[in-house]
Amino acid sequence: MKLFRKLKYGIENLIKWFPVIWKDRDWDHWFLYKILQFKLKQMEKLQRKYGHSVNSETYANQIRTAVLILDRLIKDDYFSKAYENHEKKWGETEMKFTPLKDRPELYSVDFVTEKAVTNKQKEQERKEKMRLLHHEEMLKQQDLDYLFKHMRKHIQGWWD
């Protein structure tokens, strides 16, 4: 009987995980986030539906917090909202490619913003954009720090 249950559970796991593994690549952190998020969603579901512990709902909520942070990291959309205001002020940014004189197969890239015309405006726009990029990176790092601190604090209690 044990062998049958192990086999059944193993096959169910293969089917459940197949789409996640099929899409997995070894390229970068995004794929790791997707795998971790899927696993945590399964654990949350188990705690909510079948949890035997008095604290199952609390554990499910803790896991949900991790899932939501991973969702933000996966979407990686920290920049766009702040950049909307930047575009309202400075206009759209366009990339202009210019072939290099000594190596025509290579190009230099210039970012041209429609309302930044003078050198002073261009420098100010660039500084503001750099602040946004630094802020974006800080928000990502905050989420990463919180995610792993949260998991380190709670993960050993997430069992049933």
N, C-alpha and C. Protein backbone atom coordinates (compact mmCIF):
# COMPACT_ATOMS: atom_id res chain seq x y z
N MET A 1 0.82 -1.20 0.00
CA MET A 1 0.00 0.00 0.00
C MET A 1 0.86 1.27 0.00
N LYS A 2 1.97 1.27 0.80
CA LYS A 2 2.85 2.43 0.84
C LYS A 2 3.45 2.71 -0.53
N LEU A 3 3.89 1.67 -1.21
CA LEU A 3 4.50 1.83 -2.52
C LEU A 3 3.51 2.46 -3.50
N PHE A 4 2.26 2.00 -3.49
CA PHE A 4 1.24 2.55 -4.37
C PHE A 4 1.03 4.04 -4.09
N ARG A 5 0.96 4.44 -2.82
CA ARG A 5 0.75 5.85 -2.46
C ARG A 5 1.94 6.70 -2.87
N LYS A 6 3.15 6.17 -2.67
CA LYS A 6 4.34 6.90 -3.08
C LYS A 6 4.37 7.09 -4.60
N LEU A 7 4.03 6.05 -5.32
CA LEU A 7 3.99 6.11 -6.77
C LEU A 7 2.93 7.11 -7.25
N LYS A 8 1.76 7.03 -6.66
CA LYS A 8 0.67 7.94 -7.03
C LYS A 8 1.06 9.40 -6.76
N TYR A 9 1.62 9.65 -5.56
CA TYR A 9 2.02 11.00 -5.19
C TYR A 9 3.15 11.49 -6.10
N GLY A 10 4.09 10.61 -6.42
CA GLY A 10 5.19 10.97 -7.31
C GLY A 10 4.71 11.35 -8.70
N ILE A 11 3.77 10.59 -9.23
CA ILE A 11 3.22 10.89 -10.56
C ILE A 11 2.44 12.20 -10.53
N GLU A 12 1.65 12.41 -9.48
CA GLU A 12 0.92 13.67 -9.34
C GLU A 12 1.90 14.85 -9.29
N ASN A 13 3.01 14.67 -8.57
CA ASN A 13 4.02 15.72 -8.49
C ASN A 13 4.64 16.00 -9.86
N LEU A 14 4.95 14.94 -10.60
CA LEU A 14 5.51 15.13 -11.93
C LEU A 14 4.57 15.93 -12.82
N ILE A 15 3.29 15.60 -12.77
CA ILE A 15 2.30 16.31 -13.58
C ILE A 15 2.17 17.76 -13.13
N LYS A 16 2.11 17.97 -11.83
CA LYS A 16 1.95 19.32 -11.27
C LYS A 16 3.16 20.20 -11.60
N TRP A 17 4.35 19.65 -11.49
CA TRP A 17 5.57 20.42 -11.69
C TRP A 17 6.01 20.51 -13.15
N PHE A 18 5.46 19.66 -14.01
CA PHE A 18 5.92 19.62 -15.39
C PHE A 18 5.94 20.99 -16.07
N PRO A 19 4.85 21.78 -16.02
CA PRO A 19 4.89 23.09 -16.71
C PRO A 19 5.96 24.03 -16.15
N VAL A 20 6.19 23.97 -14.85
CA VAL A 20 7.19 24.83 -14.23
C VAL A 20 8.59 24.43 -14.70
N ILE A 21 8.87 23.16 -14.64
CA ILE A 21 10.19 22.66 -15.04
C ILE A 21 10.40 22.82 -16.54
N TRP A 22 9.36 22.62 -17.31
CA TRP A 22 9.45 22.76 -18.77
C TRP A 22 9.92 24.17 -19.14
N LYS A 23 9.42 25.18 -18.42
CA LYS A 23 9.77 26.57 -18.72
C LYS A 23 11.06 27.02 -18.05
N ASP A 24 11.61 26.21 -17.15
CA ASP A 24 12.80 26.60 -16.41
C ASP A 24 14.03 26.67 -17.30
N ARG A 25 14.86 27.65 -17.03
CA ARG A 25 16.16 27.78 -17.68
C ARG A 25 17.18 28.11 -16.60
N ASP A 26 18.43 27.82 -16.85
CA ASP A 26 19.49 28.05 -15.87
C ASP A 26 20.12 29.44 -16.03
N TRP A 27 19.43 30.36 -16.65
CA TRP A 27 20.03 31.63 -17.04
C TRP A 27 20.16 32.63 -15.90
N ASP A 28 19.11 32.81 -15.13
CA ASP A 28 19.20 33.87 -14.12
C ASP A 28 18.22 33.67 -12.97
N HIS A 29 18.18 34.65 -12.11
CA HIS A 29 17.39 34.61 -10.89
C HIS A 29 15.88 34.51 -11.15
N TRP A 30 15.40 35.05 -12.25
CA TRP A 30 13.96 35.07 -12.53
C TRP A 30 13.39 33.65 -12.50
N PHE A 31 14.08 32.71 -13.10
CA PHE A 31 13.60 31.33 -13.14
C PHE A 31 13.61 30.70 -11.75
N LEU A 32 14.60 31.03 -10.96
CA LEU A 32 14.64 30.55 -9.58
C LEU A 32 13.47 31.12 -8.78
N TYR A 33 13.16 32.40 -8.99
CA TYR A 33 12.00 33.00 -8.32
C TYR A 33 10.72 32.26 -8.68
N LYS A 34 10.58 31.91 -9.98
CA LYS A 34 9.36 31.21 -10.42
C LYS A 34 9.22 29.85 -9.73
N ILE A 35 10.31 29.12 -9.63
CA ILE A 35 10.27 27.81 -8.98
C ILE A 35 9.94 27.96 -7.49
N LEU A 36 10.61 28.90 -6.84
CA LEU A 36 10.36 29.13 -5.41
C LEU A 36 8.92 29.57 -5.19
N GLN A 37 8.42 30.44 -6.03
CA GLN A 37 7.04 30.91 -5.89
C GLN A 37 6.05 29.76 -6.06
N PHE A 38 6.28 28.92 -7.04
CA PHE A 38 5.38 27.78 -7.25
C PHE A 38 5.36 26.88 -6.02
N LYS A 39 6.54 26.57 -5.50
CA LYS A 39 6.64 25.71 -4.31
C LYS A 39 5.91 26.34 -3.13
N LEU A 40 6.12 27.62 -2.92
CA LEU A 40 5.46 28.29 -1.79
C LEU A 40 3.94 28.34 -1.97
N LYS A 41 3.48 28.52 -3.19
CA LYS A 41 2.03 28.49 -3.44
C LYS A 41 1.45 27.12 -3.08
N GLN A 42 2.18 26.06 -3.40
CA GLN A 42 1.71 24.72 -3.05
C GLN A 42 1.67 24.53 -1.53
N MET A 43 2.69 25.04 -0.87
CA MET A 43 2.72 24.95 0.60
C MET A 43 1.60 25.76 1.24
N GLU A 44 1.34 26.94 0.69
CA GLU A 44 0.26 27.77 1.21
C GLU A 44 -1.08 27.06 1.05
N LYS A 45 -1.29 26.48 -0.13
CA LYS A 45 -2.53 25.76 -0.38
C LYS A 45 -2.71 24.61 0.61
N LEU A 46 -1.63 23.87 0.86
CA LEU A 46 -1.70 22.77 1.81
C LEU A 46 -2.09 23.28 3.21
N GLN A 47 -1.47 24.37 3.64
CA GLN A 47 -1.78 24.91 4.97
C GLN A 47 -3.23 25.39 5.06
N ARG A 48 -3.72 26.03 4.00
CA ARG A 48 -5.10 26.55 4.03
C ARG A 48 -6.14 25.43 3.96
N LYS A 49 -5.90 24.44 3.11
CA LYS A 49 -6.91 23.40 2.89
C LYS A 49 -6.82 22.24 3.87
N TYR A 50 -5.60 21.80 4.14
CA TYR A 50 -5.44 20.55 4.88
C TYR A 50 -4.63 20.68 6.17
N GLY A 51 -4.28 21.92 6.54
CA GLY A 51 -3.44 22.10 7.70
C GLY A 51 -4.06 21.57 8.99
N HIS A 52 -3.28 20.83 9.74
CA HIS A 52 -3.77 20.25 11.00
C HIS A 52 -3.36 21.09 12.19
N SER A 53 -2.41 21.97 12.03
CA SER A 53 -1.90 22.77 13.12
C SER A 53 -2.90 23.86 13.49
N VAL A 54 -2.89 24.23 14.75
CA VAL A 54 -3.71 25.36 15.21
C VAL A 54 -3.27 26.63 14.47
N ASN A 55 -2.01 26.68 14.07
CA ASN A 55 -1.45 27.87 13.42
C ASN A 55 -1.42 27.78 11.89
N SER A 56 -2.13 26.85 11.32
CA SER A 56 -2.08 26.66 9.87
C SER A 56 -2.43 27.93 9.10
N GLU A 57 -3.43 28.65 9.54
CA GLU A 57 -3.83 29.88 8.85
C GLU A 57 -2.72 30.93 8.95
N THR A 58 -2.09 31.03 10.09
CA THR A 58 -0.96 31.95 10.27
C THR A 58 0.18 31.58 9.34
N TYR A 59 0.50 30.28 9.28
CA TYR A 59 1.56 29.82 8.39
C TYR A 59 1.22 30.13 6.93
N ALA A 60 -0.02 29.88 6.56
CA ALA A 60 -0.46 30.17 5.18
C ALA A 60 -0.29 31.66 4.87
N ASN A 61 -0.62 32.51 5.82
CA ASN A 61 -0.47 33.95 5.61
C ASN A 61 1.01 34.35 5.51
N GLN A 62 1.85 33.73 6.31
CA GLN A 62 3.29 34.00 6.23
C GLN A 62 3.83 33.59 4.86
N ILE A 63 3.40 32.44 4.41
CA ILE A 63 3.83 31.96 3.09
C ILE A 63 3.31 32.89 2.01
N ARG A 64 2.07 33.33 2.16
CA ARG A 64 1.47 34.25 1.18
C ARG A 64 2.28 35.53 1.05
N THR A 65 2.78 36.03 2.17
CA THR A 65 3.63 37.22 2.13
C THR A 65 4.84 36.98 1.24
N ALA A 66 5.49 35.84 1.40
CA ALA A 66 6.65 35.50 0.57
C ALA A 66 6.25 35.40 -0.91
N VAL A 67 5.10 34.80 -1.17
CA VAL A 67 4.62 34.67 -2.55
C VAL A 67 4.40 36.04 -3.18
N LEU A 68 3.82 36.96 -2.44
CA LEU A 68 3.55 38.31 -2.97
C LEU A 68 4.84 39.08 -3.24
N ILE A 69 5.82 38.93 -2.37
CA ILE A 69 7.11 39.58 -2.61
C ILE A 69 7.76 38.99 -3.85
N LEU A 70 7.71 37.68 -3.98
CA LEU A 70 8.25 37.04 -5.19
C LEU A 70 7.52 37.52 -6.43
N ASP A 71 6.22 37.74 -6.32
CA ASP A 71 5.46 38.25 -7.46
C ASP A 71 6.00 39.60 -7.91
N ARG A 72 6.31 40.48 -6.96
CA ARG A 72 6.89 41.78 -7.31
C ARG A 72 8.26 41.61 -7.96
N LEU A 73 9.08 40.72 -7.41
CA LEU A 73 10.41 40.49 -7.97
C LEU A 73 10.33 39.90 -9.38
N ILE A 74 9.38 39.02 -9.60
CA ILE A 74 9.20 38.41 -10.92
C ILE A 74 8.73 39.45 -11.94
N LYS A 75 7.77 40.27 -11.55
CA LYS A 75 7.27 41.31 -12.47
C LYS A 75 8.33 42.36 -12.76
N ASP A 76 9.19 42.62 -11.77
CA ASP A 76 10.30 43.56 -11.93
C ASP A 76 9.83 44.89 -12.52
N ASP A 77 8.78 45.44 -11.94
CA ASP A 77 8.18 46.67 -12.46
C ASP A 77 8.36 47.81 -11.45
N TYR A 78 9.53 47.93 -10.92
CA TYR A 78 9.80 48.96 -9.91
C TYR A 78 9.99 50.34 -10.53
N PHE A 79 10.37 50.36 -11.78
CA PHE A 79 10.77 51.60 -12.44
C PHE A 79 9.61 52.34 -13.10
N SER A 80 8.67 51.62 -13.68
CA SER A 80 7.72 52.24 -14.61
C SER A 80 6.83 53.31 -13.97
N LYS A 81 6.36 53.09 -12.75
CA LYS A 81 5.47 54.09 -12.13
C LYS A 81 6.22 55.40 -11.90
N ALA A 82 7.41 55.32 -11.36
CA ALA A 82 8.21 56.52 -11.13
C ALA A 82 8.61 57.17 -12.46
N TYR A 83 8.84 56.34 -13.47
CA TYR A 83 9.27 56.87 -14.75
C TYR A 83 8.14 57.63 -15.47
N GLU A 84 6.89 57.29 -15.16
CA GLU A 84 5.76 58.02 -15.77
C GLU A 84 5.87 59.51 -15.47
N ASN A 85 6.14 59.85 -14.22
CA ASN A 85 6.27 61.26 -13.84
C ASN A 85 7.48 61.91 -14.52
N HIS A 86 8.54 61.14 -14.66
CA HIS A 86 9.73 61.64 -15.33
C HIS A 86 9.40 61.97 -16.80
N GLU A 87 8.66 61.09 -17.44
CA GLU A 87 8.28 61.33 -18.84
C GLU A 87 7.33 62.52 -18.97
N LYS A 88 6.44 62.70 -18.00
CA LYS A 88 5.55 63.86 -18.05
C LYS A 88 6.37 65.15 -18.02
N LYS A 89 7.41 65.15 -17.20
CA LYS A 89 8.24 66.34 -17.08
C LYS A 89 9.15 66.53 -18.28
N TRP A 90 9.82 65.48 -18.73
CA TRP A 90 10.86 65.60 -19.74
C TRP A 90 10.46 65.11 -21.13
N GLY A 91 9.33 64.44 -21.24
CA GLY A 91 8.94 63.88 -22.53
C GLY A 91 9.55 62.50 -22.73
N GLU A 92 9.22 61.90 -23.85
CA GLU A 92 9.70 60.55 -24.13
C GLU A 92 11.19 60.55 -24.47
N THR A 93 11.83 59.44 -24.11
CA THR A 93 13.25 59.27 -24.42
C THR A 93 13.35 58.35 -25.63
N GLU A 94 14.19 58.75 -26.55
CA GLU A 94 14.39 57.97 -27.77
C GLU A 94 15.86 57.59 -27.86
N MET A 95 16.12 56.39 -28.34
CA MET A 95 17.51 55.96 -28.54
C MET A 95 17.90 56.25 -29.99
N LYS A 96 19.01 56.95 -30.14
CA LYS A 96 19.54 57.26 -31.48
C LYS A 96 20.85 56.51 -31.65
N PHE A 97 20.93 55.75 -32.75
CA PHE A 97 22.12 54.96 -33.05
C PHE A 97 22.92 55.65 -34.15
N THR A 98 24.20 55.84 -33.90
CA THR A 98 25.08 56.47 -34.87
C THR A 98 26.27 55.56 -35.13
N PRO A 99 26.51 55.21 -36.41
CA PRO A 99 27.67 54.36 -36.70
C PRO A 99 28.98 55.06 -36.31
N LEU A 100 29.90 54.28 -35.78
CA LEU A 100 31.21 54.84 -35.42
C LEU A 100 32.02 55.06 -36.69
N LYS A 101 32.73 56.17 -36.76
CA LYS A 101 33.47 56.51 -37.99
C LYS A 101 34.56 55.49 -38.31
N ASP A 102 35.29 55.08 -37.28
CA ASP A 102 36.41 54.17 -37.54
C ASP A 102 35.98 52.70 -37.58
N ARG A 103 34.76 52.39 -37.10
CA ARG A 103 34.24 51.01 -37.11
C ARG A 103 32.75 51.05 -37.46
N PRO A 104 32.40 51.16 -38.73
CA PRO A 104 31.01 51.35 -39.15
C PRO A 104 30.07 50.21 -38.78
N GLU A 105 30.61 49.04 -38.40
CA GLU A 105 29.74 47.93 -37.98
C GLU A 105 29.27 48.12 -36.54
N LEU A 106 29.89 49.06 -35.80
CA LEU A 106 29.49 49.35 -34.42
C LEU A 106 28.78 50.70 -34.35
N TYR A 107 27.95 50.86 -33.34
CA TYR A 107 27.16 52.07 -33.20
C TYR A 107 27.33 52.65 -31.80
N SER A 108 27.26 53.96 -31.71
CA SER A 108 27.15 54.61 -30.41
C SER A 108 25.65 54.84 -30.17
N VAL A 109 25.27 54.84 -28.91
CA VAL A 109 23.87 55.02 -28.57
C VAL A 109 23.73 56.31 -27.77
N ASP A 110 22.82 57.16 -28.20
CA ASP A 110 22.51 58.38 -27.47
C ASP A 110 21.05 58.34 -27.07
N PHE A 111 20.78 58.74 -25.84
CA PHE A 111 19.40 58.83 -25.35
C PHE A 111 18.98 60.28 -25.45
N VAL A 112 17.99 60.52 -26.29
CA VAL A 112 17.52 61.88 -26.55
C VAL A 112 16.14 62.03 -25.94
N THR A 113 16.01 63.02 -25.07
CA THR A 113 14.73 63.29 -24.42
C THR A 113 14.19 64.59 -24.97
N GLU A 114 12.93 64.58 -25.41
CA GLU A 114 12.41 65.69 -26.20
C GLU A 114 12.43 67.05 -25.50
N LYS A 115 12.22 67.13 -24.20
CA LYS A 115 12.17 68.43 -23.52
C LYS A 115 13.49 68.83 -22.89
N ALA A 116 14.48 67.98 -22.99
CA ALA A 116 15.82 68.32 -22.51
C ALA A 116 16.63 68.77 -23.71
N VAL A 117 16.68 70.09 -23.91
CA VAL A 117 17.29 70.64 -25.12
C VAL A 117 18.68 71.20 -24.83
N THR A 118 18.77 72.03 -23.82
CA THR A 118 20.07 72.63 -23.50
C THR A 118 20.93 71.61 -22.76
N ASN A 119 22.22 71.89 -22.71
CA ASN A 119 23.13 71.00 -21.98
C ASN A 119 22.77 70.93 -20.50
N LYS A 120 22.36 72.05 -19.93
CA LYS A 120 21.97 72.08 -18.52
C LYS A 120 20.73 71.20 -18.29
N GLN A 121 19.76 71.28 -19.19
CA GLN A 121 18.55 70.45 -19.09
C GLN A 121 18.90 68.96 -19.27
N LYS A 122 19.75 68.68 -20.21
CA LYS A 122 20.15 67.29 -20.46
C LYS A 122 20.83 66.70 -19.23
N GLU A 123 21.70 67.49 -18.61
CA GLU A 123 22.39 67.02 -17.40
C GLU A 123 21.39 66.82 -16.25
N GLN A 124 20.46 67.74 -16.11
CA GLN A 124 19.44 67.62 -15.04
C GLN A 124 18.56 66.39 -15.28
N GLU A 125 18.14 66.18 -16.51
CA GLU A 125 17.31 65.01 -16.84
C GLU A 125 18.07 63.73 -16.56
N ARG A 126 19.34 63.68 -16.93
CA ARG A 126 20.16 62.50 -16.69
C ARG A 126 20.32 62.23 -15.19
N LYS A 127 20.54 63.27 -14.41
CA LYS A 127 20.67 63.11 -12.95
C LYS A 127 19.38 62.56 -12.35
N GLU A 128 18.25 63.11 -12.79
CA GLU A 128 16.95 62.65 -12.27
C GLU A 128 16.69 61.20 -12.67
N LYS A 129 17.05 60.84 -13.89
CA LYS A 129 16.86 59.46 -14.34
C LYS A 129 17.75 58.52 -13.53
N MET A 130 18.98 58.93 -13.26
CA MET A 130 19.89 58.11 -12.46
C MET A 130 19.35 57.92 -11.04
N ARG A 131 18.75 58.96 -10.48
CA ARG A 131 18.12 58.82 -9.15
C ARG A 131 17.01 57.79 -9.19
N LEU A 132 16.21 57.81 -10.25
CA LEU A 132 15.15 56.83 -10.40
C LEU A 132 15.72 55.41 -10.51
N LEU A 133 16.78 55.25 -11.26
CA LEU A 133 17.40 53.93 -11.40
C LEU A 133 17.97 53.44 -10.07
N HIS A 134 18.58 54.33 -9.31
CA HIS A 134 19.09 53.95 -7.98
C HIS A 134 17.94 53.59 -7.05
N HIS A 135 16.85 54.35 -7.15
CA HIS A 135 15.68 54.07 -6.31
C HIS A 135 15.08 52.71 -6.67
N GLU A 136 15.01 52.43 -7.96
CA GLU A 136 14.51 51.13 -8.42
C GLU A 136 15.34 50.00 -7.82
N GLU A 137 16.66 50.14 -7.88
CA GLU A 137 17.55 49.10 -7.35
C GLU A 137 17.37 48.96 -5.83
N MET A 138 17.19 50.07 -5.14
CA MET A 138 16.99 50.04 -3.70
C MET A 138 15.69 49.31 -3.35
N LEU A 139 14.62 49.54 -4.12
CA LEU A 139 13.34 48.85 -3.87
C LEU A 139 13.47 47.35 -4.09
N LYS A 140 14.17 46.95 -5.14
CA LYS A 140 14.40 45.51 -5.38
C LYS A 140 15.18 44.89 -4.22
N GLN A 141 16.24 45.58 -3.80
CA GLN A 141 17.06 45.06 -2.71
C GLN A 141 16.26 44.97 -1.41
N GLN A 142 15.39 45.93 -1.18
CA GLN A 142 14.51 45.89 0.00
C GLN A 142 13.63 44.65 -0.04
N ASP A 143 13.03 44.40 -1.20
CA ASP A 143 12.17 43.22 -1.34
C ASP A 143 12.97 41.94 -1.14
N LEU A 144 14.14 41.86 -1.73
CA LEU A 144 14.98 40.67 -1.56
C LEU A 144 15.36 40.47 -0.09
N ASP A 145 15.79 41.54 0.54
CA ASP A 145 16.17 41.44 1.95
C ASP A 145 14.99 41.00 2.80
N TYR A 146 13.83 41.61 2.55
CA TYR A 146 12.66 41.26 3.36
C TYR A 146 12.23 39.82 3.11
N LEU A 147 12.24 39.40 1.85
CA LEU A 147 11.83 38.04 1.51
C LEU A 147 12.66 37.02 2.27
N PHE A 148 13.98 37.13 2.17
CA PHE A 148 14.82 36.11 2.78
C PHE A 148 14.90 36.24 4.29
N LYS A 149 14.76 37.44 4.80
CA LYS A 149 14.69 37.61 6.26
C LYS A 149 13.39 36.98 6.78
N HIS A 150 12.30 37.23 6.07
CA HIS A 150 10.99 36.67 6.43
C HIS A 150 11.03 35.14 6.37
N MET A 151 11.61 34.60 5.31
CA MET A 151 11.69 33.15 5.19
C MET A 151 12.60 32.56 6.26
N ARG A 152 13.74 33.20 6.51
CA ARG A 152 14.65 32.71 7.54
C ARG A 152 13.96 32.67 8.90
N LYS A 153 13.12 33.65 9.16
CA LYS A 153 12.42 33.74 10.45
C LYS A 153 11.33 32.67 10.59
N HIS A 154 10.63 32.35 9.50
CA HIS A 154 9.41 31.53 9.60
C HIS A 154 9.49 30.14 8.96
N ILE A 155 10.40 29.92 8.06
CA ILE A 155 10.35 28.74 7.20
C ILE A 155 10.32 27.41 7.97
N GLN A 156 11.00 27.33 9.07
CA GLN A 156 11.04 26.07 9.79
C GLN A 156 9.73 25.73 10.48
N GLY A 157 8.83 26.68 10.55
CA GLY A 157 7.51 26.43 11.10
C GLY A 157 6.48 26.05 10.04
N TRP A 158 6.87 26.14 8.77
CA TRP A 158 5.92 25.87 7.68
C TRP A 158 5.86 24.39 7.36
N TRP A 159 5.38 23.62 8.26
CA TRP A 159 5.19 22.20 8.01
C TRP A 159 3.89 21.77 8.65
N ASP A 160 3.39 20.65 8.23
CA ASP A 160 2.13 20.16 8.78
C ASP A 160 2.28 18.72 9.22
